[in-house]
């Protein structure tokens, strides 16, 4: 992750990745056929950890609003604590080829479905608008958080990303409640 974040995918060499990992170049090729596989695997692993954290911290007792707040809090908090991961997800993946982005998009599906389920729950219990277009709003919420993180990175992390949670959710709640 560090090598990809610091050098970009295209300039990252497998030998540099192996050195950072403390293994021989050949060891990398025992597990990965090509560099794209390393990036995909890394992203799937980190996204899996993030989704597991969501599932661990979002309880059925939480309101839909509280659950969305928790999603945003975790999203910003994890990326703020791991700037290499933030660069990888926000900057590097957007420069990858279409096939790689599509494969990573499949891994993102669990995250998008999690947001969708929270929105459906809020719609069902009446805390969100009955006419809410859940499929559109889930993308808007994810995309909004995504853009906040990208702007934070581009600014040089000059402010607290975690401090943006309340303002982010306030904006979305005005549209969906």
N, C-alpha and C. Protein backbone atom coordinates (compact mmCIF):
# COMPACT_ATOMS: atom_id res chain seq x y z
N UNK A 1 0.84 -1.18 0.00
CA UNK A 1 0.00 0.00 0.00
C UNK A 1 0.88 1.24 0.00
N UNK A 2 1.91 1.22 0.81
CA UNK A 2 2.82 2.36 0.91
C UNK A 2 3.49 2.64 -0.44
N UNK A 3 3.96 1.61 -1.11
CA UNK A 3 4.64 1.78 -2.39
C UNK A 3 3.68 2.35 -3.43
N UNK A 4 2.48 1.78 -3.53
CA UNK A 4 1.49 2.29 -4.49
C UNK A 4 1.13 3.75 -4.18
N UNK A 5 0.94 4.06 -2.90
CA UNK A 5 0.55 5.42 -2.52
C UNK A 5 1.65 6.43 -2.79
N UNK A 6 2.89 6.05 -2.55
CA UNK A 6 4.00 6.98 -2.71
C UNK A 6 4.48 7.13 -4.15
N UNK A 7 4.37 6.06 -4.93
CA UNK A 7 4.94 6.08 -6.27
C UNK A 7 3.89 5.98 -7.38
N UNK A 8 2.67 5.69 -7.02
CA UNK A 8 1.63 5.47 -8.03
C UNK A 8 1.72 4.06 -8.56
N UNK A 9 0.60 3.56 -9.03
CA UNK A 9 0.54 2.18 -9.51
C UNK A 9 1.53 1.92 -10.64
N UNK A 10 1.53 2.78 -11.64
CA UNK A 10 2.34 2.54 -12.84
C UNK A 10 3.84 2.64 -12.57
N UNK A 11 4.23 3.44 -11.60
CA UNK A 11 5.66 3.59 -11.30
C UNK A 11 6.13 2.64 -10.19
N UNK A 12 5.20 1.92 -9.59
CA UNK A 12 5.57 0.98 -8.54
C UNK A 12 6.09 -0.31 -9.18
N UNK A 13 7.23 -0.71 -8.72
CA UNK A 13 7.84 -1.95 -9.23
C UNK A 13 7.61 -3.06 -8.22
N UNK A 14 7.42 -4.26 -8.73
CA UNK A 14 7.22 -5.41 -7.85
C UNK A 14 8.43 -5.57 -6.93
N UNK A 15 9.61 -5.29 -7.44
CA UNK A 15 10.82 -5.41 -6.61
C UNK A 15 10.77 -4.43 -5.43
N UNK A 16 10.23 -3.25 -5.65
CA UNK A 16 10.10 -2.25 -4.58
C UNK A 16 9.05 -2.72 -3.56
N UNK A 17 7.98 -3.30 -4.05
CA UNK A 17 6.93 -3.84 -3.17
C UNK A 17 7.51 -4.96 -2.32
N UNK A 18 8.27 -5.86 -2.95
CA UNK A 18 8.88 -6.97 -2.23
C UNK A 18 9.83 -6.46 -1.15
N UNK A 19 10.64 -5.47 -1.51
CA UNK A 19 11.59 -4.90 -0.55
C UNK A 19 10.85 -4.31 0.65
N UNK A 20 9.79 -3.56 0.38
CA UNK A 20 9.00 -2.95 1.46
C UNK A 20 8.37 -4.03 2.34
N UNK A 21 7.96 -5.13 1.72
CA UNK A 21 7.35 -6.24 2.47
C UNK A 21 8.38 -7.12 3.17
N UNK A 22 9.65 -6.93 2.81
CA UNK A 22 10.71 -7.73 3.43
C UNK A 22 10.79 -9.15 2.90
N UNK A 23 10.42 -9.31 1.63
CA UNK A 23 10.48 -10.64 1.00
C UNK A 23 11.22 -10.54 -0.33
N UNK A 24 11.57 -11.68 -0.88
CA UNK A 24 12.22 -11.73 -2.19
C UNK A 24 11.18 -11.48 -3.29
N UNK A 25 11.65 -10.95 -4.42
CA UNK A 25 10.75 -10.68 -5.55
C UNK A 25 9.94 -11.91 -5.93
N UNK A 26 10.62 -13.06 -5.97
CA UNK A 26 9.95 -14.29 -6.39
C UNK A 26 8.82 -14.69 -5.47
N UNK A 27 8.93 -14.32 -4.22
CA UNK A 27 7.87 -14.65 -3.25
C UNK A 27 6.56 -13.96 -3.64
N UNK A 28 6.67 -12.74 -4.11
CA UNK A 28 5.48 -12.00 -4.54
C UNK A 28 4.76 -12.78 -5.63
N UNK A 29 5.54 -13.30 -6.58
CA UNK A 29 4.94 -14.01 -7.71
C UNK A 29 4.37 -15.38 -7.35
N UNK A 30 4.67 -15.86 -6.15
CA UNK A 30 4.03 -17.09 -5.68
C UNK A 30 2.55 -16.83 -5.37
N UNK A 31 2.24 -15.59 -5.00
CA UNK A 31 0.89 -15.24 -4.58
C UNK A 31 0.12 -14.40 -5.61
N UNK A 32 0.86 -13.68 -6.44
CA UNK A 32 0.22 -12.78 -7.40
C UNK A 32 0.84 -12.97 -8.79
N UNK A 33 -0.01 -13.07 -9.80
CA UNK A 33 0.48 -13.25 -11.17
C UNK A 33 1.00 -11.94 -11.76
N UNK A 34 0.35 -10.83 -11.38
CA UNK A 34 0.75 -9.53 -11.93
C UNK A 34 0.49 -8.45 -10.89
N UNK A 35 1.04 -7.29 -11.14
CA UNK A 35 0.95 -6.16 -10.21
C UNK A 35 -0.50 -5.77 -9.94
N UNK A 36 -1.35 -5.85 -10.95
CA UNK A 36 -2.77 -5.51 -10.78
C UNK A 36 -3.42 -6.39 -9.71
N UNK A 37 -2.98 -7.65 -9.64
CA UNK A 37 -3.54 -8.57 -8.64
C UNK A 37 -3.18 -8.13 -7.22
N UNK A 38 -2.02 -7.54 -7.07
CA UNK A 38 -1.60 -7.04 -5.74
C UNK A 38 -2.53 -5.91 -5.32
N UNK A 39 -2.75 -4.98 -6.23
CA UNK A 39 -3.62 -3.83 -5.94
C UNK A 39 -5.05 -4.28 -5.65
N UNK A 40 -5.57 -5.17 -6.46
CA UNK A 40 -6.94 -5.66 -6.26
C UNK A 40 -7.06 -6.38 -4.92
N UNK A 41 -6.11 -7.24 -4.63
CA UNK A 41 -6.12 -7.99 -3.38
C UNK A 41 -6.04 -7.05 -2.18
N UNK A 42 -5.18 -6.06 -2.28
CA UNK A 42 -5.02 -5.09 -1.21
C UNK A 42 -6.32 -4.33 -0.97
N UNK A 43 -6.92 -3.88 -2.05
CA UNK A 43 -8.17 -3.14 -1.93
C UNK A 43 -9.27 -4.02 -1.34
N UNK A 44 -9.39 -5.25 -1.80
CA UNK A 44 -10.41 -6.16 -1.29
C UNK A 44 -10.20 -6.43 0.20
N UNK A 45 -8.96 -6.59 0.60
CA UNK A 45 -8.66 -6.83 2.01
C UNK A 45 -9.05 -5.64 2.87
N UNK A 46 -8.63 -4.45 2.45
CA UNK A 46 -8.91 -3.25 3.24
C UNK A 46 -10.40 -2.92 3.25
N UNK A 47 -11.06 -3.11 2.13
CA UNK A 47 -12.50 -2.87 2.08
C UNK A 47 -13.23 -3.90 2.95
N UNK A 48 -12.76 -5.13 2.93
CA UNK A 48 -13.34 -6.17 3.79
C UNK A 48 -13.22 -5.79 5.27
N UNK A 49 -12.06 -5.26 5.65
CA UNK A 49 -11.86 -4.82 7.03
C UNK A 49 -12.81 -3.68 7.38
N UNK A 50 -13.00 -2.77 6.43
CA UNK A 50 -13.89 -1.63 6.66
C UNK A 50 -15.33 -2.10 6.83
N UNK A 51 -15.79 -2.98 5.96
CA UNK A 51 -17.15 -3.50 6.05
C UNK A 51 -17.33 -4.28 7.36
N UNK A 52 -16.31 -5.04 7.76
CA UNK A 52 -16.38 -5.77 9.03
C UNK A 52 -16.52 -4.79 10.20
N UNK A 53 -15.80 -3.68 10.12
CA UNK A 53 -15.90 -2.65 11.17
C UNK A 53 -17.30 -2.05 11.20
N UNK A 54 -17.88 -1.79 10.03
CA UNK A 54 -19.25 -1.30 9.98
C UNK A 54 -20.19 -2.29 10.65
N UNK A 55 -20.08 -3.55 10.25
CA UNK A 55 -20.98 -4.59 10.80
C UNK A 55 -20.80 -4.75 12.30
N UNK A 56 -19.60 -4.51 12.78
CA UNK A 56 -19.33 -4.64 14.20
C UNK A 56 -19.90 -3.46 15.00
N UNK A 57 -19.84 -2.27 14.42
CA UNK A 57 -20.21 -1.08 15.18
C UNK A 57 -21.62 -0.57 14.93
N UNK A 58 -22.25 -1.03 13.86
CA UNK A 58 -23.63 -0.60 13.59
C UNK A 58 -24.55 -1.68 14.16
N UNK A 59 -25.33 -1.28 15.15
CA UNK A 59 -26.20 -2.24 15.82
C UNK A 59 -27.64 -2.09 15.34
N UNK A 60 -28.43 -3.14 15.47
CA UNK A 60 -29.85 -3.05 15.07
C UNK A 60 -30.64 -2.02 15.90
N UNK A 61 -30.14 -1.70 17.09
CA UNK A 61 -30.83 -0.74 17.95
C UNK A 61 -30.64 0.70 17.47
N UNK A 62 -29.63 0.93 16.66
CA UNK A 62 -29.37 2.29 16.16
C UNK A 62 -30.46 2.71 15.18
N UNK A 63 -30.78 3.99 15.23
CA UNK A 63 -31.68 4.52 14.20
C UNK A 63 -30.92 4.55 12.88
N UNK A 64 -31.65 4.70 11.80
CA UNK A 64 -31.01 4.77 10.49
C UNK A 64 -30.07 5.98 10.42
N UNK A 65 -30.48 7.09 11.00
CA UNK A 65 -29.65 8.29 11.03
C UNK A 65 -28.36 8.01 11.80
N UNK A 66 -28.47 7.37 12.96
CA UNK A 66 -27.27 7.03 13.75
C UNK A 66 -26.36 6.08 12.98
N UNK A 67 -26.95 5.14 12.26
CA UNK A 67 -26.16 4.19 11.48
C UNK A 67 -25.42 4.90 10.35
N UNK A 68 -26.08 5.83 9.65
CA UNK A 68 -25.40 6.60 8.61
C UNK A 68 -24.27 7.45 9.19
N UNK A 69 -24.52 8.02 10.34
CA UNK A 69 -23.49 8.80 11.03
C UNK A 69 -22.29 7.91 11.31
N UNK A 70 -22.55 6.72 11.79
CA UNK A 70 -21.47 5.78 12.12
C UNK A 70 -20.69 5.38 10.86
N UNK A 71 -21.39 5.16 9.74
CA UNK A 71 -20.72 4.84 8.48
C UNK A 71 -19.76 5.96 8.11
N UNK A 72 -20.24 7.19 8.16
CA UNK A 72 -19.42 8.34 7.80
C UNK A 72 -18.25 8.50 8.77
N UNK A 73 -18.52 8.33 10.05
CA UNK A 73 -17.49 8.44 11.08
C UNK A 73 -16.38 7.42 10.85
N UNK A 74 -16.75 6.19 10.58
CA UNK A 74 -15.76 5.13 10.34
C UNK A 74 -15.01 5.41 9.04
N UNK A 75 -15.73 5.75 7.98
CA UNK A 75 -15.12 6.02 6.68
C UNK A 75 -14.04 7.09 6.81
N UNK A 76 -14.41 8.24 7.37
CA UNK A 76 -13.45 9.33 7.52
C UNK A 76 -12.34 8.97 8.49
N UNK A 77 -12.70 8.33 9.60
CA UNK A 77 -11.71 8.00 10.62
C UNK A 77 -10.65 7.03 10.12
N UNK A 78 -11.06 5.99 9.43
CA UNK A 78 -10.11 5.00 8.91
C UNK A 78 -9.17 5.64 7.90
N UNK A 79 -9.71 6.44 6.99
CA UNK A 79 -8.86 7.06 5.97
C UNK A 79 -7.97 8.16 6.55
N UNK A 80 -8.45 8.86 7.56
CA UNK A 80 -7.63 9.88 8.20
C UNK A 80 -6.43 9.25 8.92
N UNK A 81 -6.66 8.10 9.52
CA UNK A 81 -5.58 7.41 10.24
C UNK A 81 -4.61 6.70 9.30
N UNK A 82 -5.05 6.42 8.08
CA UNK A 82 -4.21 5.69 7.13
C UNK A 82 -4.16 6.45 5.81
N UNK A 83 -3.29 7.45 5.75
CA UNK A 83 -3.21 8.33 4.58
C UNK A 83 -2.79 7.54 3.34
N UNK A 84 -1.95 6.51 3.51
CA UNK A 84 -1.57 5.69 2.34
C UNK A 84 -2.81 5.02 1.74
N UNK A 85 -3.67 4.51 2.58
CA UNK A 85 -4.91 3.89 2.09
C UNK A 85 -5.78 4.95 1.42
N UNK A 86 -5.85 6.12 2.01
CA UNK A 86 -6.65 7.20 1.42
C UNK A 86 -6.13 7.56 0.03
N UNK A 87 -4.83 7.71 -0.12
CA UNK A 87 -4.26 8.01 -1.44
C UNK A 87 -4.53 6.89 -2.43
N UNK A 88 -4.43 5.68 -1.95
CA UNK A 88 -4.66 4.53 -2.83
C UNK A 88 -6.11 4.52 -3.32
N UNK A 89 -7.05 4.69 -2.42
CA UNK A 89 -8.46 4.61 -2.79
C UNK A 89 -8.96 5.84 -3.54
N UNK A 90 -8.45 7.01 -3.19
CA UNK A 90 -8.99 8.24 -3.74
C UNK A 90 -8.28 8.71 -5.01
N UNK A 91 -7.02 8.49 -5.09
CA UNK A 91 -6.25 9.03 -6.20
C UNK A 91 -5.82 7.91 -7.17
N UNK A 92 -5.16 6.92 -6.64
CA UNK A 92 -4.55 5.91 -7.50
C UNK A 92 -5.56 5.05 -8.25
N UNK A 93 -6.61 4.63 -7.58
CA UNK A 93 -7.58 3.76 -8.24
C UNK A 93 -8.28 4.45 -9.40
N UNK A 94 -8.39 5.75 -9.36
CA UNK A 94 -9.05 6.48 -10.44
C UNK A 94 -8.19 6.56 -11.70
N UNK A 95 -6.91 6.29 -11.54
CA UNK A 95 -5.99 6.34 -12.67
C UNK A 95 -5.75 4.96 -13.27
N UNK A 96 -6.36 3.94 -12.69
CA UNK A 96 -6.17 2.58 -13.16
C UNK A 96 -7.01 2.32 -14.40
N UNK A 97 -6.71 1.25 -15.10
CA UNK A 97 -7.46 0.93 -16.32
C UNK A 97 -8.87 0.46 -15.97
N UNK A 98 -9.72 0.45 -16.97
CA UNK A 98 -11.14 0.16 -16.79
C UNK A 98 -11.37 -1.22 -16.17
N UNK A 99 -10.66 -2.23 -16.64
CA UNK A 99 -10.85 -3.59 -16.12
C UNK A 99 -10.54 -3.65 -14.63
N UNK A 100 -9.48 -2.99 -14.21
CA UNK A 100 -9.11 -2.97 -12.80
C UNK A 100 -10.16 -2.22 -11.98
N UNK A 101 -10.63 -1.09 -12.48
CA UNK A 101 -11.67 -0.32 -11.78
C UNK A 101 -12.96 -1.12 -11.66
N UNK A 102 -13.29 -1.89 -12.69
CA UNK A 102 -14.50 -2.72 -12.64
C UNK A 102 -14.37 -3.82 -11.60
N UNK A 103 -13.20 -4.43 -11.53
CA UNK A 103 -12.98 -5.49 -10.55
C UNK A 103 -13.07 -4.93 -9.13
N UNK A 104 -12.51 -3.77 -8.93
CA UNK A 104 -12.57 -3.13 -7.62
C UNK A 104 -14.00 -2.68 -7.32
N UNK A 105 -14.72 -2.28 -8.35
CA UNK A 105 -16.12 -1.90 -8.19
C UNK A 105 -16.96 -3.04 -7.62
N UNK A 106 -16.62 -4.25 -8.00
CA UNK A 106 -17.33 -5.42 -7.44
C UNK A 106 -17.10 -5.52 -5.94
N UNK A 107 -15.88 -5.22 -5.52
CA UNK A 107 -15.58 -5.25 -4.09
C UNK A 107 -16.32 -4.14 -3.34
N UNK A 108 -16.53 -3.02 -3.98
CA UNK A 108 -17.24 -1.89 -3.37
C UNK A 108 -18.73 -2.16 -3.18
N UNK A 109 -19.23 -3.12 -3.91
CA UNK A 109 -20.67 -3.40 -3.89
C UNK A 109 -21.19 -3.66 -2.48
N UNK A 110 -20.42 -4.38 -1.65
CA UNK A 110 -20.86 -4.66 -0.27
C UNK A 110 -21.05 -3.38 0.54
N UNK A 111 -20.18 -2.42 0.30
CA UNK A 111 -20.24 -1.15 1.00
C UNK A 111 -21.49 -0.37 0.55
N UNK A 112 -21.73 -0.33 -0.73
CA UNK A 112 -22.88 0.39 -1.28
C UNK A 112 -24.18 -0.26 -0.79
N UNK A 113 -24.21 -1.58 -0.73
CA UNK A 113 -25.40 -2.30 -0.25
C UNK A 113 -25.65 -2.01 1.23
N UNK A 114 -24.58 -1.88 2.00
CA UNK A 114 -24.71 -1.54 3.42
C UNK A 114 -25.43 -0.19 3.56
N UNK A 115 -25.00 0.80 2.79
CA UNK A 115 -25.65 2.12 2.82
C UNK A 115 -27.10 1.99 2.36
N UNK A 116 -27.32 1.22 1.31
CA UNK A 116 -28.68 1.02 0.81
C UNK A 116 -29.59 0.41 1.88
N UNK A 117 -29.10 -0.57 2.60
CA UNK A 117 -29.90 -1.22 3.64
C UNK A 117 -30.27 -0.25 4.76
N UNK A 118 -29.33 0.62 5.11
CA UNK A 118 -29.62 1.63 6.14
C UNK A 118 -30.71 2.59 5.64
N UNK A 119 -30.60 3.00 4.40
CA UNK A 119 -31.60 3.90 3.82
C UNK A 119 -32.97 3.22 3.75
N UNK A 120 -33.00 1.97 3.37
CA UNK A 120 -34.26 1.21 3.31
C UNK A 120 -34.89 1.11 4.70
N UNK A 121 -34.04 0.89 5.71
CA UNK A 121 -34.54 0.80 7.08
C UNK A 121 -35.15 2.12 7.52
N UNK A 122 -34.48 3.23 7.20
CA UNK A 122 -35.00 4.55 7.54
C UNK A 122 -36.28 4.88 6.81
N UNK A 123 -36.36 4.45 5.58
CA UNK A 123 -37.57 4.66 4.78
C UNK A 123 -38.72 3.84 5.37
N UNK A 124 -38.44 2.60 5.73
CA UNK A 124 -39.47 1.71 6.28
C UNK A 124 -40.00 2.18 7.63
N UNK A 125 -39.11 2.73 8.47
CA UNK A 125 -39.59 3.16 9.80
C UNK A 125 -40.10 4.60 9.82
N UNK A 126 -40.09 5.24 8.64
CA UNK A 126 -40.66 6.58 8.53
C UNK A 126 -39.70 7.70 8.88
N UNK A 127 -38.46 7.39 9.23
CA UNK A 127 -37.53 8.46 9.56
C UNK A 127 -36.94 9.13 8.32
N UNK A 128 -37.04 8.46 7.18
CA UNK A 128 -36.63 9.06 5.90
C UNK A 128 -37.85 9.18 5.01
N UNK A 129 -37.79 10.06 4.06
CA UNK A 129 -38.89 10.33 3.14
C UNK A 129 -39.38 9.05 2.47
N UNK A 130 -40.67 8.95 2.31
CA UNK A 130 -41.28 7.78 1.67
C UNK A 130 -40.93 7.71 0.18
N UNK A 131 -40.70 8.87 -0.44
CA UNK A 131 -40.39 8.90 -1.87
C UNK A 131 -38.89 8.85 -2.17
N UNK A 132 -38.10 8.50 -1.16
CA UNK A 132 -36.65 8.46 -1.30
C UNK A 132 -36.23 7.45 -2.36
N UNK A 133 -35.42 7.89 -3.31
CA UNK A 133 -34.84 7.00 -4.33
C UNK A 133 -33.57 6.41 -3.71
N UNK A 134 -33.71 5.28 -3.08
CA UNK A 134 -32.64 4.65 -2.30
C UNK A 134 -31.40 4.38 -3.14
N UNK A 135 -31.58 3.88 -4.34
CA UNK A 135 -30.44 3.55 -5.19
C UNK A 135 -29.64 4.79 -5.58
N UNK A 136 -30.33 5.89 -5.83
CA UNK A 136 -29.63 7.14 -6.14
C UNK A 136 -28.97 7.71 -4.90
N UNK A 137 -29.70 7.77 -3.80
CA UNK A 137 -29.18 8.39 -2.58
C UNK A 137 -27.98 7.62 -2.03
N UNK A 138 -27.97 6.30 -2.14
CA UNK A 138 -26.81 5.54 -1.64
C UNK A 138 -25.55 5.95 -2.38
N UNK A 139 -25.68 6.19 -3.70
CA UNK A 139 -24.54 6.62 -4.49
C UNK A 139 -24.14 8.06 -4.16
N UNK A 140 -25.12 8.91 -3.91
CA UNK A 140 -24.83 10.29 -3.55
C UNK A 140 -24.10 10.37 -2.21
N UNK A 141 -24.53 9.57 -1.26
CA UNK A 141 -23.87 9.56 0.05
C UNK A 141 -22.44 9.05 -0.09
N UNK A 142 -22.28 7.92 -0.76
CA UNK A 142 -20.93 7.39 -0.94
C UNK A 142 -20.07 8.38 -1.72
N UNK A 143 -20.61 8.91 -2.80
CA UNK A 143 -19.87 9.86 -3.63
C UNK A 143 -19.52 11.14 -2.88
N UNK A 144 -20.44 11.59 -2.04
CA UNK A 144 -20.17 12.79 -1.25
C UNK A 144 -19.02 12.57 -0.27
N UNK A 145 -19.05 11.44 0.43
CA UNK A 145 -17.96 11.12 1.35
C UNK A 145 -16.65 10.98 0.58
N UNK A 146 -16.73 10.34 -0.56
CA UNK A 146 -15.57 10.12 -1.41
C UNK A 146 -14.93 11.47 -1.80
N UNK A 147 -15.75 12.42 -2.19
CA UNK A 147 -15.24 13.73 -2.61
C UNK A 147 -14.65 14.51 -1.43
N UNK A 148 -15.25 14.39 -0.26
CA UNK A 148 -14.71 15.06 0.93
C UNK A 148 -13.31 14.53 1.22
N UNK A 149 -13.12 13.22 1.12
CA UNK A 149 -11.80 12.63 1.37
C UNK A 149 -10.80 13.08 0.31
N UNK A 150 -11.21 13.09 -0.95
CA UNK A 150 -10.31 13.53 -2.03
C UNK A 150 -9.88 14.98 -1.81
N UNK A 151 -10.82 15.84 -1.46
CA UNK A 151 -10.50 17.26 -1.21
C UNK A 151 -9.55 17.41 -0.03
N UNK A 152 -9.75 16.61 0.98
CA UNK A 152 -8.87 16.61 2.16
C UNK A 152 -7.45 16.23 1.76
N UNK A 153 -7.31 15.22 0.92
CA UNK A 153 -5.99 14.80 0.46
C UNK A 153 -5.33 15.89 -0.38
N UNK A 154 -6.09 16.45 -1.31
CA UNK A 154 -5.56 17.48 -2.21
C UNK A 154 -5.12 18.70 -1.42
N UNK A 155 -5.82 18.99 -0.31
CA UNK A 155 -5.46 20.16 0.52
C UNK A 155 -4.19 19.91 1.32
N UNK A 156 -3.70 18.70 1.31
CA UNK A 156 -2.53 18.36 2.12
C UNK A 156 -2.90 18.00 3.54
N UNK A 157 -4.12 17.55 3.74
CA UNK A 157 -4.64 17.16 5.05
C UNK A 157 -4.49 18.30 6.06
N UNK A 158 -4.89 19.50 5.65
CA UNK A 158 -4.73 20.69 6.48
C UNK A 158 -5.80 20.84 7.55
N UNK A 159 -6.75 19.96 7.58
CA UNK A 159 -7.81 20.01 8.57
C UNK A 159 -8.18 18.59 8.95
N UNK A 160 -8.97 18.45 9.98
CA UNK A 160 -9.38 17.13 10.43
C UNK A 160 -10.50 16.58 9.55
N UNK A 161 -10.25 15.45 8.97
CA UNK A 161 -11.28 14.78 8.16
C UNK A 161 -12.43 14.33 9.06
N UNK A 162 -12.10 13.79 10.21
CA UNK A 162 -13.13 13.31 11.14
C UNK A 162 -14.06 14.43 11.59
N UNK A 163 -13.55 15.65 11.63
CA UNK A 163 -14.38 16.79 12.05
C UNK A 163 -15.45 17.13 11.01
N UNK A 164 -15.39 16.52 9.83
CA UNK A 164 -16.35 16.79 8.76
C UNK A 164 -17.59 15.89 8.83
N UNK A 165 -17.60 14.92 9.73
CA UNK A 165 -18.70 13.96 9.81
C UNK A 165 -20.04 14.65 10.03
N UNK A 166 -20.12 15.48 11.05
CA UNK A 166 -21.39 16.13 11.38
C UNK A 166 -21.93 16.98 10.25
N UNK A 167 -21.06 17.77 9.63
CA UNK A 167 -21.48 18.63 8.52
C UNK A 167 -21.91 17.81 7.31
N UNK A 168 -21.21 16.72 7.07
CA UNK A 168 -21.57 15.85 5.95
C UNK A 168 -22.97 15.28 6.15
N UNK A 169 -23.21 14.72 7.34
CA UNK A 169 -24.51 14.11 7.61
C UNK A 169 -25.62 15.14 7.70
N UNK A 170 -25.34 16.30 8.24
CA UNK A 170 -26.35 17.35 8.27
C UNK A 170 -26.84 17.68 6.85
N UNK A 171 -25.91 17.77 5.92
CA UNK A 171 -26.26 18.06 4.55
C UNK A 171 -27.19 16.99 3.98
N UNK A 172 -26.83 15.74 4.16
CA UNK A 172 -27.64 14.66 3.60
C UNK A 172 -28.99 14.52 4.32
N UNK A 173 -29.00 14.72 5.61
CA UNK A 173 -30.25 14.57 6.35
C UNK A 173 -31.29 15.59 5.90
N UNK A 174 -30.87 16.76 5.52
CA UNK A 174 -31.83 17.78 5.04
C UNK A 174 -32.55 17.30 3.77
N UNK A 175 -31.91 16.46 3.01
CA UNK A 175 -32.51 15.96 1.79
C UNK A 175 -33.32 14.68 1.94
N UNK A 176 -33.01 13.89 2.97
CA UNK A 176 -33.67 12.58 3.04
C UNK A 176 -34.68 12.44 4.17
N UNK A 177 -34.68 13.35 5.12
CA UNK A 177 -35.64 13.24 6.22
C UNK A 177 -36.99 13.80 5.83
